[in-house]
PDB file of all heavy atoms in Angstrom:
ATOM      1  N   THR A   1       0.859  -1.181   0.000  1.00  0.00           N
ATOM      2  CA  THR A   1       0.000   0.000   0.000  1.00  0.00           C
ATOM      3  C   THR A   1       0.894   1.229   0.000  1.00  0.00           C
ATOM      4  O   THR A   1       1.979   1.228   0.595  1.00  0.00           O
ATOM      5  CB  THR A   1      -0.943   0.059   1.218  1.00  0.00           C
ATOM      6  OG1 THR A   1      -0.162   0.188   2.415  1.00  0.00           O
ATOM      7  CG2 THR A   1      -1.802  -1.186   1.297  1.00  0.00           C
ATOM      8  N   PHE A   2       0.429   2.267  -0.668  1.00  0.00           N
ATOM      9  CA  PHE A   2       1.140   3.536  -0.680  1.00  0.00           C
ATOM     10  C   PHE A   2       0.127   4.633  -0.419  1.00  0.00           C
ATOM     11  O   PHE A   2      -0.912   4.699  -1.076  1.00  0.00           O
ATOM     12  CB  PHE A   2       1.836   3.767  -2.022  1.00  0.00           C
ATOM     13  CG  PHE A   2       2.658   5.033  -2.062  1.00  0.00           C
ATOM     14  CD1 PHE A   2       3.903   5.076  -1.459  1.00  0.00           C
ATOM     15  CD2 PHE A   2       2.170   6.162  -2.675  1.00  0.00           C
ATOM     16  CE1 PHE A   2       4.665   6.240  -1.483  1.00  0.00           C
ATOM     17  CE2 PHE A   2       2.916   7.332  -2.710  1.00  0.00           C
ATOM     18  CZ  PHE A   2       4.170   7.373  -2.114  1.00  0.00           C
ATOM     19  N   SER A   3       0.421   5.476   0.554  1.00  0.00           N
ATOM     20  CA  SER A   3      -0.498   6.561   0.893  1.00  0.00           C
ATOM     21  C   SER A   3       0.283   7.841   1.116  1.00  0.00           C
ATOM     22  O   SER A   3       1.439   7.820   1.538  1.00  0.00           O
ATOM     23  CB  SER A   3      -1.321   6.213   2.136  1.00  0.00           C
ATOM     24  OG  SER A   3      -0.490   5.912   3.245  1.00  0.00           O
ATOM     25  N   VAL A   4      -0.360   8.954   0.821  1.00  0.00           N
ATOM     26  CA  VAL A   4       0.230  10.275   0.987  1.00  0.00           C
ATOM     27  C   VAL A   4      -0.704  11.092   1.868  1.00  0.00           C
ATOM     28  O   VAL A   4      -1.924  11.108   1.654  1.00  0.00           O
ATOM     29  CB  VAL A   4       0.437  10.971  -0.374  1.00  0.00           C
ATOM     30  CG1 VAL A   4       1.118  12.319  -0.187  1.00  0.00           C
ATOM     31  CG2 VAL A   4       1.265  10.100  -1.306  1.00  0.00           C
ATOM     32  N   TRP A   5      -0.108  11.778   2.842  1.00  0.00           N
ATOM     33  CA  TRP A   5      -0.869  12.467   3.876  1.00  0.00           C
ATOM     34  C   TRP A   5      -0.503  13.942   3.921  1.00  0.00           C
ATOM     35  O   TRP A   5       0.643  14.321   3.650  1.00  0.00           O
ATOM     36  CB  TRP A   5      -0.598  11.821   5.231  1.00  0.00           C
ATOM     37  CG  TRP A   5      -0.962  10.369   5.259  1.00  0.00           C
ATOM     38  CD1 TRP A   5      -0.224   9.326   4.761  1.00  0.00           C
ATOM     39  CD2 TRP A   5      -2.159   9.794   5.771  1.00  0.00           C
ATOM     40  NE1 TRP A   5      -0.887   8.140   4.935  1.00  0.00           N
ATOM     41  CE2 TRP A   5      -2.079   8.390   5.563  1.00  0.00           C
ATOM     42  CE3 TRP A   5      -3.290  10.313   6.409  1.00  0.00           C
ATOM     43  CZ2 TRP A   5      -3.090   7.524   5.956  1.00  0.00           C
ATOM     44  CZ3 TRP A   5      -4.286   9.449   6.804  1.00  0.00           C
ATOM     45  CH2 TRP A   5      -4.189   8.076   6.580  1.00  0.00           C
ATOM     46  N   LYS A   6      -1.458  14.743   4.315  1.00  0.00           N
ATOM     47  CA  LYS A   6      -1.254  16.186   4.429  1.00  0.00           C
ATOM     48  C   LYS A   6      -0.135  16.509   5.406  1.00  0.00           C
ATOM     49  O   LYS A   6       0.630  17.464   5.207  1.00  0.00           O
ATOM     50  CB  LYS A   6      -2.555  16.852   4.876  1.00  0.00           C
ATOM     51  CG  LYS A   6      -2.482  18.357   5.028  1.00  0.00           C
ATOM     52  CD  LYS A   6      -3.821  18.922   5.462  1.00  0.00           C
ATOM     53  CE  LYS A   6      -3.742  20.431   5.644  1.00  0.00           C
ATOM     54  NZ  LYS A   6      -5.066  20.983   6.083  1.00  0.00           N
ATOM     55  N   SER A   7      -0.013  15.719   6.463  1.00  0.00           N
ATOM     56  CA  SER A   7       0.999  15.973   7.480  1.00  0.00           C
ATOM     57  C   SER A   7       1.288  14.691   8.243  1.00  0.00           C
ATOM     58  O   SER A   7       0.513  13.733   8.189  1.00  0.00           O
ATOM     59  CB  SER A   7       0.519  17.044   8.458  1.00  0.00           C
ATOM     60  OG  SER A   7      -0.604  16.578   9.188  1.00  0.00           O
ATOM     61  N   ALA A   8       2.399  14.694   8.971  1.00  0.00           N
ATOM     62  CA  ALA A   8       2.724  13.553   9.818  1.00  0.00           C
ATOM     63  C   ALA A   8       1.662  13.367  10.893  1.00  0.00           C
ATOM     64  O   ALA A   8       1.335  12.230  11.260  1.00  0.00           O
ATOM     65  CB  ALA A   8       4.102  13.749  10.441  1.00  0.00           C
ATOM     66  N   ALA A   9       1.105  14.461  11.395  1.00  0.00           N
ATOM     67  CA  ALA A   9       0.091  14.362  12.451  1.00  0.00           C
ATOM     68  C   ALA A   9      -1.150  13.636  11.965  1.00  0.00           C
ATOM     69  O   ALA A   9      -1.715  12.804  12.686  1.00  0.00           O
ATOM     70  CB  ALA A   9      -0.262  15.756  12.951  1.00  0.00           C
ATOM     71  N   SER A  10      -1.593  13.924  10.750  1.00  0.00           N
ATOM     72  CA  SER A  10      -2.791  13.258  10.231  1.00  0.00           C
ATOM     73  C   SER A  10      -2.523  11.781   9.983  1.00  0.00           C
ATOM     74  O   SER A  10      -3.383  10.928  10.232  1.00  0.00           O
ATOM     75  CB  SER A  10      -3.281  13.942   8.954  1.00  0.00           C
ATOM     76  OG  SER A  10      -2.284  13.924   7.944  1.00  0.00           O
ATOM     77  N   MET A  11      -1.327  11.449   9.515  1.00  0.00           N
ATOM     78  CA  MET A  11      -0.977  10.051   9.313  1.00  0.00           C
ATOM     79  C   MET A  11      -0.946   9.294  10.644  1.00  0.00           C
ATOM     80  O   MET A  11      -1.473   8.187  10.767  1.00  0.00           O
ATOM     81  CB  MET A  11       0.384   9.958   8.612  1.00  0.00           C
ATOM     82  CG  MET A  11       0.877   8.548   8.316  1.00  0.00           C
ATOM     83  SD  MET A  11       1.714   7.755   9.705  1.00  0.00           S
ATOM     84  CE  MET A  11       3.105   8.860   9.904  1.00  0.00           C
ATOM     85  N   GLN A  12      -0.358   9.895  11.654  1.00  0.00           N
ATOM     86  CA  GLN A  12      -0.270   9.253  12.958  1.00  0.00           C
ATOM     87  C   GLN A  12      -1.637   9.089  13.607  1.00  0.00           C
ATOM     88  O   GLN A  12      -1.888   8.106  14.308  1.00  0.00           O
ATOM     89  CB  GLN A  12       0.673  10.044  13.856  1.00  0.00           C
ATOM     90  CG  GLN A  12       2.124   9.949  13.401  1.00  0.00           C
ATOM     91  CD  GLN A  12       3.024  10.944  14.099  1.00  0.00           C
ATOM     92  OE1 GLN A  12       2.553  11.880  14.736  1.00  0.00           O
ATOM     93  NE2 GLN A  12       4.329  10.748  13.973  1.00  0.00           N
ATOM     94  N   GLN A  13      -2.529  10.041  13.358  1.00  0.00           N
ATOM     95  CA  GLN A  13      -3.885   9.931  13.882  1.00  0.00           C
ATOM     96  C   GLN A  13      -4.555   8.666  13.359  1.00  0.00           C
ATOM     97  O   GLN A  13      -5.202   7.928  14.114  1.00  0.00           O
ATOM     98  CB  GLN A  13      -4.707  11.165  13.476  1.00  0.00           C
ATOM     99  CG  GLN A  13      -6.187  11.112  13.805  1.00  0.00           C
ATOM    100  CD  GLN A  13      -6.468  11.296  15.284  1.00  0.00           C
ATOM    101  OE1 GLN A  13      -5.633  11.827  16.005  1.00  0.00           O
ATOM    102  NE2 GLN A  13      -7.630  10.845  15.734  1.00  0.00           N
ATOM    103  N   TYR A  14      -4.381   8.397  12.076  1.00  0.00           N
ATOM    104  CA  TYR A  14      -4.958   7.189  11.488  1.00  0.00           C
ATOM    105  C   TYR A  14      -4.221   5.935  11.950  1.00  0.00           C
ATOM    106  O   TYR A  14      -4.839   4.949  12.370  1.00  0.00           O
ATOM    107  CB  TYR A  14      -4.910   7.271   9.964  1.00  0.00           C
ATOM    108  CG  TYR A  14      -5.248   5.955   9.291  1.00  0.00           C
ATOM    109  CD1 TYR A  14      -6.573   5.552   9.161  1.00  0.00           C
ATOM    110  CD2 TYR A  14      -4.238   5.103   8.823  1.00  0.00           C
ATOM    111  CE1 TYR A  14      -6.885   4.341   8.570  1.00  0.00           C
ATOM    112  CE2 TYR A  14      -4.554   3.897   8.237  1.00  0.00           C
ATOM    113  CZ  TYR A  14      -5.878   3.520   8.111  1.00  0.00           C
ATOM    114  OH  TYR A  14      -6.176   2.319   7.542  1.00  0.00           O
ATOM    115  N   ALA A  15      -2.890   5.979  11.907  1.00  0.00           N
ATOM    116  CA  ALA A  15      -2.098   4.773  12.170  1.00  0.00           C
ATOM    117  C   ALA A  15      -2.229   4.291  13.602  1.00  0.00           C
ATOM    118  O   ALA A  15      -2.304   3.077  13.855  1.00  0.00           O
ATOM    119  CB  ALA A  15      -0.635   5.035  11.833  1.00  0.00           C
ATOM    120  N   TYR A  16      -2.258   5.225  14.541  1.00  0.00           N
ATOM    121  CA  TYR A  16      -2.176   4.826  15.943  1.00  0.00           C
ATOM    122  C   TYR A  16      -3.494   4.918  16.698  1.00  0.00           C
ATOM    123  O   TYR A  16      -3.609   4.399  17.809  1.00  0.00           O
ATOM    124  CB  TYR A  16      -1.111   5.673  16.648  1.00  0.00           C
ATOM    125  CG  TYR A  16       0.247   5.522  16.026  1.00  0.00           C
ATOM    126  CD1 TYR A  16       0.932   6.613  15.504  1.00  0.00           C
ATOM    127  CD2 TYR A  16       0.853   4.265  15.919  1.00  0.00           C
ATOM    128  CE1 TYR A  16       2.184   6.469  14.913  1.00  0.00           C
ATOM    129  CE2 TYR A  16       2.095   4.109  15.327  1.00  0.00           C
ATOM    130  CZ  TYR A  16       2.754   5.214  14.827  1.00  0.00           C
ATOM    131  OH  TYR A  16       3.980   5.063  14.233  1.00  0.00           O
ATOM    132  N   ARG A  17      -4.480   5.576  16.076  1.00  0.00           N
ATOM    133  CA  ARG A  17      -5.750   5.716  16.771  1.00  0.00           C
ATOM    134  C   ARG A  17      -6.930   5.105  16.011  1.00  0.00           C
ATOM    135  O   ARG A  17      -8.002   4.943  16.573  1.00  0.00           O
ATOM    136  CB  ARG A  17      -6.042   7.192  17.056  1.00  0.00           C
ATOM    137  CG  ARG A  17      -4.990   7.848  17.940  1.00  0.00           C
ATOM    138  CD  ARG A  17      -5.333   9.282  18.251  1.00  0.00           C
ATOM    139  NE  ARG A  17      -4.247   9.936  18.992  1.00  0.00           N
ATOM    140  CZ  ARG A  17      -4.261  11.217  19.358  1.00  0.00           C
ATOM    141  NH1 ARG A  17      -5.305  11.980  19.055  1.00  0.00           N
ATOM    142  NH2 ARG A  17      -3.237  11.728  20.018  1.00  0.00           N
ATOM    143  N   GLY A  18      -6.715   4.800  14.739  1.00  0.00           N
ATOM    144  CA  GLY A  18      -7.796   4.207  13.956  1.00  0.00           C
ATOM    145  C   GLY A  18      -8.047   2.767  14.363  1.00  0.00           C
ATOM    146  O   GLY A  18      -7.151   1.928  14.308  1.00  0.00           O
ATOM    147  N   ALA A  19      -9.265   2.462  14.760  1.00  0.00           N
ATOM    148  CA  ALA A  19      -9.577   1.128  15.286  1.00  0.00           C
ATOM    149  C   ALA A  19      -9.362   0.043  14.234  1.00  0.00           C
ATOM    150  O   ALA A  19      -8.812  -1.027  14.530  1.00  0.00           O
ATOM    151  CB  ALA A  19     -11.015   1.109  15.794  1.00  0.00           C
ATOM    152  N   ALA A  20      -9.801   0.292  12.997  1.00  0.00           N
ATOM    153  CA  ALA A  20      -9.685  -0.725  11.949  1.00  0.00           C
ATOM    154  C   ALA A  20      -8.229  -1.050  11.669  1.00  0.00           C
ATOM    155  O   ALA A  20      -7.834  -2.215  11.569  1.00  0.00           O
ATOM    156  CB  ALA A  20     -10.385  -0.246  10.675  1.00  0.00           C
ATOM    157  N   HIS A  21      -7.413  -0.023  11.546  1.00  0.00           N
ATOM    158  CA  HIS A  21      -6.004  -0.235  11.244  1.00  0.00           C
ATOM    159  C   HIS A  21      -5.296  -0.938  12.401  1.00  0.00           C
ATOM    160  O   HIS A  21      -4.526  -1.890  12.190  1.00  0.00           O
ATOM    161  CB  HIS A  21      -5.337   1.114  10.951  1.00  0.00           C
ATOM    162  CG  HIS A  21      -3.907   1.001  10.548  1.00  0.00           C
ATOM    163  ND1 HIS A  21      -2.878   1.193  11.447  1.00  0.00           N
ATOM    164  CD2 HIS A  21      -3.324   0.694   9.372  1.00  0.00           C
ATOM    165  CE1 HIS A  21      -1.729   1.029  10.827  1.00  0.00           C
ATOM    166  NE2 HIS A  21      -1.961   0.732   9.568  1.00  0.00           N
ATOM    167  N   LYS A  22      -5.527  -0.498  13.607  1.00  0.00           N
ATOM    168  CA  LYS A  22      -4.887  -1.116  14.765  1.00  0.00           C
ATOM    169  C   LYS A  22      -5.285  -2.588  14.885  1.00  0.00           C
ATOM    170  O   LYS A  22      -4.465  -3.440  15.222  1.00  0.00           O
ATOM    171  CB  LYS A  22      -5.268  -0.358  16.036  1.00  0.00           C
ATOM    172  CG  LYS A  22      -4.603   0.991  16.167  1.00  0.00           C
ATOM    173  CD  LYS A  22      -5.086   1.736  17.397  1.00  0.00           C
ATOM    174  CE  LYS A  22      -4.703   1.009  18.665  1.00  0.00           C
ATOM    175  NZ  LYS A  22      -5.123   1.780  19.875  1.00  0.00           N
ATOM    176  N   GLY A  23      -6.550  -2.884  14.595  1.00  0.00           N
ATOM    177  CA  GLY A  23      -7.010  -4.261  14.687  1.00  0.00           C
ATOM    178  C   GLY A  23      -6.314  -5.174  13.703  1.00  0.00           C
ATOM    179  O   GLY A  23      -5.934  -6.300  14.047  1.00  0.00           O
ATOM    180  N   VAL A  24      -6.135  -4.703  12.479  1.00  0.00           N
ATOM    181  CA  VAL A  24      -5.461  -5.512  11.466  1.00  0.00           C
ATOM    182  C   VAL A  24      -3.999  -5.716  11.828  1.00  0.00           C
ATOM    183  O   VAL A  24      -3.446  -6.823  11.675  1.00  0.00           O
ATOM    184  CB  VAL A  24      -5.603  -4.860  10.073  1.00  0.00           C
ATOM    185  CG1 VAL A  24      -4.687  -5.547   9.072  1.00  0.00           C
ATOM    186  CG2 VAL A  24      -7.045  -4.943   9.604  1.00  0.00           C
ATOM    187  N   ILE A  25      -3.332  -4.663  12.310  1.00  0.00           N
ATOM    188  CA  ILE A  25      -1.932  -4.793  12.708  1.00  0.00           C
ATOM    189  C   ILE A  25      -1.777  -5.846  13.801  1.00  0.00           C
ATOM    190  O   ILE A  25      -0.860  -6.680  13.768  1.00  0.00           O
ATOM    191  CB  ILE A  25      -1.379  -3.438  13.183  1.00  0.00           C
ATOM    192  CG1 ILE A  25      -1.335  -2.455  12.014  1.00  0.00           C
ATOM    193  CG2 ILE A  25       0.007  -3.607  13.793  1.00  0.00           C
ATOM    194  CD1 ILE A  25      -0.460  -2.884  10.866  1.00  0.00           C
ATOM    195  N   GLN A  26      -2.666  -5.833  14.764  1.00  0.00           N
ATOM    196  CA  GLN A  26      -2.609  -6.831  15.831  1.00  0.00           C
ATOM    197  C   GLN A  26      -2.783  -8.244  15.286  1.00  0.00           C
ATOM    198  O   GLN A  26      -2.073  -9.173  15.698  1.00  0.00           O
ATOM    199  CB  GLN A  26      -3.683  -6.525  16.876  1.00  0.00           C
ATOM    200  CG  GLN A  26      -3.405  -5.279  17.699  1.00  0.00           C
ATOM    201  CD  GLN A  26      -4.555  -4.911  18.607  1.00  0.00           C
ATOM    202  OE1 GLN A  26      -5.644  -5.501  18.542  1.00  0.00           O
ATOM    203  NE2 GLN A  26      -4.353  -3.910  19.460  1.00  0.00           N
ATOM    204  N   ARG A  27      -3.707  -8.404  14.337  1.00  0.00           N
ATOM    205  CA  ARG A  27      -3.933  -9.736  13.775  1.00  0.00           C
ATOM    206  C   ARG A  27      -2.731 -10.213  12.977  1.00  0.00           C
ATOM    207  O   ARG A  27      -2.394 -11.407  13.009  1.00  0.00           O
ATOM    208  CB  ARG A  27      -5.183  -9.720  12.892  1.00  0.00           C
ATOM    209  CG  ARG A  27      -6.487  -9.591  13.654  1.00  0.00           C
ATOM    210  CD  ARG A  27      -7.658  -9.820  12.733  1.00  0.00           C
ATOM    211  NE  ARG A  27      -7.650 -11.184  12.195  1.00  0.00           N
ATOM    212  CZ  ARG A  27      -8.393 -11.572  11.151  1.00  0.00           C
ATOM    213  NH1 ARG A  27      -9.174 -10.699  10.527  1.00  0.00           N
ATOM    214  NH2 ARG A  27      -8.340 -12.816  10.728  1.00  0.00           N
ATOM    215  N   THR A  28      -2.076  -9.311  12.236  1.00  0.00           N
ATOM    216  CA  THR A  28      -0.908  -9.739  11.462  1.00  0.00           C
ATOM    217  C   THR A  28       0.175 -10.300  12.376  1.00  0.00           C
ATOM    218  O   THR A  28       0.871 -11.253  12.012  1.00  0.00           O
ATOM    219  CB  THR A  28      -0.332  -8.580  10.632  1.00  0.00           C
ATOM    220  OG1 THR A  28       0.154  -7.554  11.496  1.00  0.00           O
ATOM    221  CG2 THR A  28      -1.359  -8.019   9.674  1.00  0.00           C
ATOM    222  N   ARG A  29       0.321  -9.702  13.551  1.00  0.00           N
ATOM    223  CA  ARG A  29       1.328 -10.190  14.491  1.00  0.00           C
ATOM    224  C   ARG A  29       0.891 -11.511  15.128  1.00  0.00           C
ATOM    225  O   ARG A  29       1.651 -12.471  15.205  1.00  0.00           O
ATOM    226  CB  ARG A  29       1.575  -9.142  15.583  1.00  0.00           C
ATOM    227  CG  ARG A  29       2.056  -7.800  15.061  1.00  0.00           C
ATOM    228  CD  ARG A  29       3.467  -7.887  14.504  1.00  0.00           C
ATOM    229  NE  ARG A  29       3.931  -6.583  14.034  1.00  0.00           N
ATOM    230  CZ  ARG A  29       3.867  -6.169  12.785  1.00  0.00           C
ATOM    231  NH1 ARG A  29       3.358  -6.972  11.854  1.00  0.00           N
ATOM    232  NH2 ARG A  29       4.311  -4.982  12.433  1.00  0.00           N
ATOM    233  N   GLN A  30      -0.343 -11.543  15.602  1.00  0.00           N
ATOM    234  CA  GLN A  30      -0.826 -12.721  16.319  1.00  0.00           C
ATOM    235  C   GLN A  30      -0.936 -13.944  15.418  1.00  0.00           C
ATOM    236  O   GLN A  30      -0.599 -15.064  15.825  1.00  0.00           O
ATOM    237  CB  GLN A  30      -2.184 -12.410  16.951  1.00  0.00           C
ATOM    238  CG  GLN A  30      -2.137 -11.361  18.051  1.00  0.00           C
ATOM    239  CD  GLN A  30      -3.510 -10.883  18.459  1.00  0.00           C
ATOM    240  OE1 GLN A  30      -4.528 -11.277  17.867  1.00  0.00           O
ATOM    241  NE2 GLN A  30      -3.569 -10.025  19.473  1.00  0.00           N
ATOM    242  N   GLU A  31      -1.402 -13.737  14.174  1.00  0.00           N
ATOM    243  CA  GLU A  31      -1.660 -14.858  13.278  1.00  0.00           C
ATOM    244  C   GLU A  31      -0.530 -15.088  12.274  1.00  0.00           C
ATOM    245  O   GLU A  31      -0.599 -16.024  11.482  1.00  0.00           O
ATOM    246  CB  GLU A  31      -2.988 -14.621  12.541  1.00  0.00           C
ATOM    247  CG  GLU A  31      -4.167 -14.467  13.498  1.00  0.00           C
ATOM    248  CD  GLU A  31      -5.469 -14.145  12.783  1.00  0.00           C
ATOM    249  OE1 GLU A  31      -5.598 -14.503  11.589  1.00  0.00           O
ATOM    250  OE2 GLU A  31      -6.353 -13.526  13.412  1.00  0.00           O
ATOM    251  N   GLN A  32       0.495 -14.210  12.311  1.00  0.00           N
ATOM    252  CA  GLN A  32       1.688 -14.372  11.474  1.00  0.00           C
ATOM    253  C   GLN A  32       1.325 -14.572   9.994  1.00  0.00           C
ATOM    254  O   GLN A  32       1.639 -15.584   9.375  1.00  0.00           O
ATOM    255  CB  GLN A  32       2.532 -15.544  11.991  1.00  0.00           C
ATOM    256  CG  GLN A  32       3.021 -15.342  13.412  1.00  0.00           C
ATOM    257  CD  GLN A  32       3.890 -16.476  13.911  1.00  0.00           C
ATOM    258  OE1 GLN A  32       3.882 -17.586  13.375  1.00  0.00           O
ATOM    259  NE2 GLN A  32       4.666 -16.222  14.939  1.00  0.00           N
ATOM    260  N   TRP A  33       0.717 -13.543   9.436  1.00  0.00           N
ATOM    261  CA  TRP A  33       0.278 -13.602   8.046  1.00  0.00           C
ATOM    262  C   TRP A  33       1.439 -13.533   7.055  1.00  0.00           C
ATOM    263  O   TRP A  33       1.328 -14.035   5.941  1.00  0.00           O
ATOM    264  CB  TRP A  33      -0.664 -12.432   7.750  1.00  0.00           C
ATOM    265  CG  TRP A  33      -2.005 -12.530   8.419  1.00  0.00           C
ATOM    266  CD1 TRP A  33      -2.494 -13.577   9.152  1.00  0.00           C
ATOM    267  CD2 TRP A  33      -3.026 -11.529   8.411  1.00  0.00           C
ATOM    268  NE1 TRP A  33      -3.762 -13.291   9.604  1.00  0.00           N
ATOM    269  CE2 TRP A  33      -4.116 -12.041   9.157  1.00  0.00           C
ATOM    270  CE3 TRP A  33      -3.138 -10.262   7.845  1.00  0.00           C
ATOM    271  CZ2 TRP A  33      -5.291 -11.321   9.353  1.00  0.00           C
ATOM    272  CZ3 TRP A  33      -4.309  -9.543   8.040  1.00  0.00           C
ATOM    273  CH2 TRP A  33      -5.367 -10.063   8.774  1.00  0.00           C
ATOM    274  N   TYR A  34       2.552 -12.872   7.411  1.00  0.00           N
ATOM    275  CA  TYR A  34       3.575 -12.526   6.436  1.00  0.00           C
ATOM    276  C   TYR A  34       4.850 -13.340   6.628  1.00  0.00           C
ATOM    277  O   TYR A  34       5.269 -13.628   7.746  1.00  0.00           O
ATOM    278  CB  TYR A  34       3.939 -11.036   6.555  1.00  0.00           C
ATOM    279  CG  TYR A  34       2.771 -10.097   6.504  1.00  0.00           C
ATOM    280  CD1 TYR A  34       2.757  -8.935   7.273  1.00  0.00           C
ATOM    281  CD2 TYR A  34       1.671 -10.349   5.682  1.00  0.00           C
ATOM    282  CE1 TYR A  34       1.690  -8.054   7.223  1.00  0.00           C
ATOM    283  CE2 TYR A  34       0.595  -9.473   5.629  1.00  0.00           C
ATOM    284  CZ  TYR A  34       0.613  -8.326   6.411  1.00  0.00           C
ATOM    285  OH  TYR A  34      -0.443  -7.463   6.376  1.00  0.00           O
TER     286      TYR A  34
END
């Protein structure tokens, strides 16, 4: 995936506070998808 953001703050808001994104990251670690 490639994404471009208005600022580092907006990117961090999504990456670290977005429920959907955080949930997927946790699953990738727990279930070892990669």
